[in-house]
Protein backbone atom coordinates (compact mmCIF):
# COMPACT_ATOMS: atom_id res chain seq x y z
CA UNK A 1 25.71 5.27 -7.67
CA UNK A 2 23.26 2.27 -7.95
CA UNK A 3 20.97 0.28 -5.94
CA UNK A 4 17.51 0.86 -4.28
CA UNK A 5 16.97 2.59 -1.12
CA UNK A 6 13.69 1.58 0.91
CA UNK A 7 11.85 1.92 4.04
CA UNK A 8 8.85 -0.47 5.08
CA UNK A 9 6.28 0.88 7.63
CA UNK A 10 3.66 -1.35 8.93
CA UNK A 11 -0.32 -0.66 8.57
CA UNK A 12 -3.85 -2.08 8.66
CA UNK A 13 -6.43 -2.22 6.40
CA UNK A 14 -9.06 0.18 8.02
CA UNK A 15 -12.20 0.09 5.42
CA UNK A 16 -12.85 -1.01 2.10
CA UNK A 17 -14.86 0.79 -0.32
CA UNK A 18 -17.18 -1.12 -2.93
CA UNK A 19 -16.78 0.63 -6.38
CA UNK A 20 -18.64 3.33 -7.87
CA UNK A 21 -19.25 1.60 -10.96
CA UNK A 22 -19.26 -2.14 -11.72
CA UNK A 23 -16.35 -2.29 -13.78
CA UNK A 24 -14.17 -0.77 -11.35
CA UNK A 25 -12.45 -2.43 -8.32
CA UNK A 26 -12.74 -2.45 -4.80
CA UNK A 27 -11.01 0.37 -2.87
CA UNK A 28 -8.52 -0.62 0.49
CA UNK A 29 -8.21 2.20 2.82
CA UNK A 30 -4.56 1.37 4.47
CA UNK A 31 -3.61 3.01 7.88
CA UNK A 32 0.13 3.58 8.00
CA UNK A 33 1.58 3.63 11.22
CA UNK A 34 4.56 6.41 12.11
CA UNK A 35 3.12 8.73 9.35
CA UNK A 36 2.13 12.03 9.98
CA UNK A 37 -1.87 12.29 11.30
CA UNK A 38 -2.86 14.14 7.93
CA UNK A 39 -1.45 11.47 5.92
CA UNK A 40 -1.47 8.45 7.54
CA UNK A 41 -4.33 7.13 5.34
CA UNK A 42 -4.11 5.56 1.43
CA UNK A 43 -6.35 4.12 -0.71
CA UNK A 44 -5.35 1.47 -3.43
CA UNK A 45 -7.48 -0.76 -5.92
CA UNK A 46 -8.18 -4.15 -3.52
CA UNK A 47 -6.34 -6.23 -6.54
CA UNK A 48 -3.47 -8.24 -5.70
CA UNK A 49 -1.62 -11.37 -7.08
CA UNK A 50 -0.44 -14.11 -4.88
CA UNK A 51 2.49 -16.10 -5.84
CA UNK A 52 0.71 -18.39 -7.97
CA UNK A 53 -0.65 -15.91 -10.12
CA UNK A 54 -4.26 -15.79 -8.39
CA UNK A 55 -6.08 -12.44 -8.04
CA UNK A 56 -6.91 -11.98 -4.32
CA UNK A 57 -8.01 -8.87 -2.16
CA UNK A 58 -6.93 -7.62 1.49
CA UNK A 59 -9.83 -8.38 4.14
CA UNK A 60 -10.84 -5.75 6.42
CA UNK A 61 -8.22 -5.37 9.30
CA UNK A 62 -5.48 -7.23 7.79
CA UNK A 63 -1.90 -6.11 9.04
CA UNK A 64 0.16 -5.21 6.00
CA UNK A 65 3.31 -3.75 5.12
CA UNK A 66 3.55 -0.67 2.95
CA UNK A 67 6.97 -0.48 1.17
CA UNK A 68 8.56 2.69 -0.57
CA UNK A 69 11.74 1.99 -2.92
CA UNK A 70 13.82 4.25 -4.76
CA UNK A 71 16.55 4.31 -6.72
CA UNK A 72 19.64 5.36 -5.08
CA UNK A 73 20.25 8.20 -7.74
CA UNK A 74 16.95 9.88 -6.70
CA UNK A 75 18.07 10.36 -3.21
CA UNK A 76 20.41 13.11 -1.24
CA UNK A 77 22.45 12.56 1.82
CA UNK A 78 20.81 13.58 5.04
């Protein structure tokens, strides 16, 4: 088996959290629509790279897509 399997879920940046220490990065809390209620929110470093290689960050309220991807060998038939 080869290749990748994936799923994409829509989400919204709900909150931004200032870093606890100046050398740390801001965090973005993302609400993933379609996830179970207790697991809808994830927090990530709010550091992304645009197509030109510039560092950018998400705005509160931004609509995003959350992608989960795995090797096909890491899955089993349903």
